[in-house]
C-alpha atoms as a PDB file:
ATOM      1  CA  MET A   1     -63.232 172.212  62.203  1.00  0.00           C
ATOM      2  CA  ALA A   2     -61.675 170.213  59.353  1.00  0.00           C
ATOM      3  CA  ARG A   3     -59.269 168.527  61.796  1.00  0.00           C
ATOM      4  CA  LEU A   4     -61.982 166.177  63.092  1.00  0.00           C
ATOM      5  CA  GLY A   5     -62.565 164.700  59.632  1.00  0.00           C
ATOM      6  CA  LYS A   6     -58.964 164.921  58.424  1.00  0.00           C
ATOM      7  CA  PRO A   7     -56.309 163.253  60.609  1.00  0.00           C
ATOM      8  CA  SER A   8     -53.703 164.007  57.926  1.00  0.00           C
ATOM      9  CA  HIS A   9     -54.150 167.697  58.780  1.00  0.00           C
ATOM     10  CA  ALA A  10     -53.039 166.876  62.329  1.00  0.00           C
ATOM     11  CA  SER A  11     -49.838 165.268  61.005  1.00  0.00           C
ATOM     12  CA  ILE A  12     -49.201 168.430  58.972  1.00  0.00           C
ATOM     13  CA  ASP A  13     -49.633 170.409  62.189  1.00  0.00           C
ATOM     14  CA  ILE A  14     -47.115 168.110  63.901  1.00  0.00           C
ATOM     15  CA  PHE A  15     -44.731 168.629  60.984  1.00  0.00           C
ATOM     16  CA  ASP A  16     -45.123 172.374  61.377  1.00  0.00           C
ATOM     17  CA  LEU A  17     -44.363 172.015  65.077  1.00  0.00           C
ATOM     18  CA  VAL A  18     -41.305 169.857  64.372  1.00  0.00           C
ATOM     19  CA  TRP A  19     -40.024 172.351  61.805  1.00  0.00           C
ATOM     20  CA  GLY A  20     -40.672 175.227  64.211  1.00  0.00           C
ATOM     21  CA  TRP A  21     -38.696 173.357  66.877  1.00  0.00           C
ATOM     22  CA  LEU A  22     -35.964 171.970  64.643  1.00  0.00           C
ATOM     23  CA  LEU A  23     -35.120 175.084  62.622  1.00  0.00           C
ATOM     24  CA  PRO A  24     -34.038 177.235  65.613  1.00  0.00           C
ATOM     25  CA  PHE A  25     -32.169 174.269  67.108  1.00  0.00           C
ATOM     26  CA  VAL A  26     -30.345 173.605  63.833  1.00  0.00           C
ATOM     27  CA  ALA A  27     -29.494 177.295  63.505  1.00  0.00           C
ATOM     28  CA  LEU A  28     -28.171 177.339  67.072  1.00  0.00           C
ATOM     29  CA  GLY A  29     -26.187 174.159  66.450  1.00  0.00           C
ATOM     30  CA  ALA A  30     -24.647 175.572  63.274  1.00  0.00           C
ATOM     31  CA  PHE A  31     -23.805 178.789  65.117  1.00  0.00           C
ATOM     32  CA  PHE A  32     -22.131 176.872  67.966  1.00  0.00           C
ATOM     33  CA  ILE A  33     -20.200 174.691  65.506  1.00  0.00           C
ATOM     34  CA  MET A  34     -19.039 177.824  63.650  1.00  0.00           C
ATOM     35  CA  MET A  35     -17.944 179.424  66.921  1.00  0.00           C
ATOM     36  CA  ALA A  36     -16.076 176.265  67.926  1.00  0.00           C
ATOM     37  CA  HIS A  37     -14.402 176.088  64.511  1.00  0.00           C
ATOM     38  CA  THR A  38     -13.299 179.723  64.649  1.00  0.00           C
ATOM     39  CA  GLN A  39     -12.033 179.269  68.209  1.00  0.00           C
ATOM     40  CA  GLN A  40     -10.110 176.140  67.217  1.00  0.00           C
ATOM     41  CA  MET A  41      -8.673 177.853  64.123  1.00  0.00           C
ATOM     42  CA  ALA A  42      -7.637 180.952  66.091  1.00  0.00           C
ATOM     43  CA  PRO A  43      -4.815 179.270  68.099  1.00  0.00           C
ATOM     44  CA  SER A  44      -3.541 177.321  65.083  1.00  0.00           C
ATOM     45  CA  SER A  45      -3.931 180.238  62.690  1.00  0.00           C
ATOM     46  CA  PRO A  46      -0.732 179.652  60.632  1.00  0.00           C
ATOM     47  CA  PRO A  47      -2.094 177.922  57.490  1.00  0.00           C
ATOM     48  CA  PRO A  48       1.097 178.530  55.439  1.00  0.00           C
ATOM     49  CA  VAL A  49       2.673 175.590  57.292  1.00  0.00           C
ATOM     50  CA  GLY A  50      -0.022 173.273  55.896  1.00  0.00           C
ATOM     51  CA  THR A  51       0.394 174.647  52.368  1.00  0.00           C
ATOM     52  CA  ARG A  52       4.181 174.300  52.650  1.00  0.00           C
ATOM     53  CA  SER A  53       3.965 170.654  53.715  1.00  0.00           C
ATOM     54  CA  TYR A  54       1.543 170.092  50.836  1.00  0.00           C
ATOM     55  CA  LYS A  55       4.017 171.652  48.390  1.00  0.00           C
ATOM     56  CA  THR A  56       6.893 169.551  49.714  1.00  0.00           C
ATOM     57  CA  THR A  57       4.820 166.346  49.379  1.00  0.00           C
ATOM     58  CA  GLU A  58       3.889 167.325  45.802  1.00  0.00           C
ATOM     59  CA  GLU A  59       7.538 167.992  44.958  1.00  0.00           C
END
């Protein structure tokens, strides 16, 4: 009813739609990135090597 006289309301509706579409996509993207990071870190799991090289460079 108020949409006919208020075009700004339509833009708010579009924003709501964008948020509704973007939020799940962002969540999925973050989840996939996390999975990829954990999978990449799994094979090269020895972090002591990195800390050791850091200590040698500091010394």
